[in-house]
Protein backbone atom coordinates (compact mmCIF):
# COMPACT_ATOMS: atom_id res chain seq x y z
CA MET A 1 201.48 11.46 -7.47
CA ASP A 2 202.73 13.54 -4.24
CA ASP A 3 200.94 16.96 -3.55
CA GLN A 4 204.41 18.62 -4.44
CA THR A 5 204.73 17.29 -7.94
CA ARG A 6 201.09 17.98 -8.31
CA ILE A 7 201.60 21.53 -7.49
CA GLU A 8 204.63 21.92 -9.80
CA LEU A 9 202.73 20.41 -12.72
CA GLU A 10 199.70 22.90 -12.11
CA ALA A 11 202.01 25.74 -11.75
CA ALA A 12 203.66 24.61 -15.15
CA ALA A 13 200.27 24.36 -16.60
CA PHE A 14 199.35 28.05 -15.25
CA ARG A 15 202.37 29.35 -16.76
CA SER A 16 201.70 27.87 -20.03
CA LEU A 17 198.32 29.07 -20.19
CA VAL A 18 199.49 32.49 -19.33
CA ASP A 19 202.25 32.45 -22.04
CA HIS A 20 199.61 31.44 -24.60
CA LEU A 21 197.27 34.16 -23.78
CA ARG A 22 200.16 36.67 -24.04
CA GLU A 23 200.97 35.53 -27.31
CA ARG A 24 197.25 35.40 -28.54
CA THR A 25 196.61 39.14 -28.38
CA ASP A 26 194.18 38.71 -31.35
CA VAL A 27 191.78 36.81 -29.09
CA GLN A 28 189.69 39.00 -27.19
CA ASN A 29 188.48 38.81 -23.66
CA ILE A 30 184.89 38.83 -24.79
CA ASP A 31 185.52 35.98 -27.01
CA LEU A 32 187.18 34.08 -24.12
CA MET A 33 184.03 35.04 -22.08
CA ASN A 34 181.53 33.89 -24.73
CA LEU A 35 183.47 30.45 -25.46
CA SER A 36 184.76 29.58 -21.82
CA GLY A 37 182.95 31.75 -19.35
CA PHE A 38 186.51 32.99 -18.20
CA CYS A 39 188.92 35.63 -19.57
CA ARG A 40 192.31 37.30 -18.69
CA ASN A 41 190.77 39.47 -16.13
CA CYS A 42 188.97 36.50 -14.29
CA LEU A 43 192.27 34.70 -14.27
CA SER A 44 194.05 37.65 -12.88
CA ARG A 45 191.21 38.15 -10.25
CA TRP A 46 191.68 34.36 -9.12
CA TYR A 47 195.43 34.79 -8.99
CA GLN A 48 194.68 38.10 -6.77
CA GLU A 49 192.22 36.08 -4.56
CA ALA A 50 194.63 33.31 -4.11
CA ALA A 51 197.68 35.56 -3.00
CA ASN A 52 195.43 37.66 -0.70
CA GLU A 53 194.30 34.08 0.75
CA LYS A 54 198.02 33.64 1.39
CA GLY A 55 198.33 37.14 3.20
CA ILE A 56 200.11 38.62 0.10
CA ASP A 57 198.82 42.30 -0.47
CA MET A 58 198.16 42.23 -4.16
CA ASP A 59 195.45 44.50 -5.92
CA LYS A 60 193.73 44.14 -9.34
CA ASN A 61 196.52 45.85 -11.34
CA GLY A 62 199.22 44.04 -9.71
CA ALA A 63 197.47 40.67 -10.56
CA ARG A 64 196.42 41.80 -14.08
CA GLU A 65 200.10 42.70 -15.02
CA ILE A 66 201.22 39.14 -14.07
CA VAL A 67 198.58 37.81 -16.55
CA TYR A 68 198.82 40.35 -19.28
CA GLY A 69 202.45 40.72 -18.86
CA MET A 70 202.26 44.54 -19.09
CA PRO A 71 200.13 47.01 -17.24
CA PHE A 72 196.24 46.50 -18.22
CA ALA A 73 195.84 49.76 -19.75
CA GLU A 74 198.79 49.37 -21.86
CA TRP A 75 197.58 46.05 -23.31
CA ARG A 76 193.88 47.59 -23.49
CA ASP A 77 195.24 50.42 -25.58
CA LYS A 78 197.61 48.21 -27.89
CA PHE A 79 195.06 45.03 -28.26
CA GLN A 80 191.59 45.51 -27.02
CA LYS A 81 188.88 46.31 -29.77
CA GLU A 82 185.36 47.48 -29.30
CA ALA A 83 183.24 44.41 -29.10
CA THR A 84 180.75 44.12 -31.83
CA PRO A 85 176.99 44.10 -31.12
CA GLU A 86 177.12 40.50 -32.06
CA GLN A 87 179.67 39.87 -29.43
CA GLN A 88 177.72 41.90 -26.72
CA ALA A 89 174.36 39.99 -27.66
CA LYS A 90 176.24 36.82 -27.06
CA PHE A 91 177.89 37.76 -23.86
CA ALA A 92 174.39 39.10 -22.53
CA GLU A 93 172.60 35.90 -23.44
CA ALA A 94 175.54 33.82 -21.95
CA ASN A 95 175.38 35.83 -18.74
CA LYS A 96 171.62 36.11 -17.97
CA GLY A 97 171.05 35.78 -14.05
CA HIS A 98 174.70 36.82 -13.29
């Protein structure tokens, strides 16, 4: 496989992941973190870092809007729920030493 095809496939997979996460507003970021070690905010941070490495001026809010499909504050108000004590405990356990 040539590099251009690989890049195109990776970009398509990324878009599919973002679309999936936008549709699954029921899945909370803390659940993603607890199960996979990353969440929508991580994905947006990686996007921002990649843009900045290419000399593209992108801030955290701009990157989050790309991943969330709307301003993060709007998504948070519409879909984010308060983390349960169990979710918080699992997060704390999984992130010891970070």
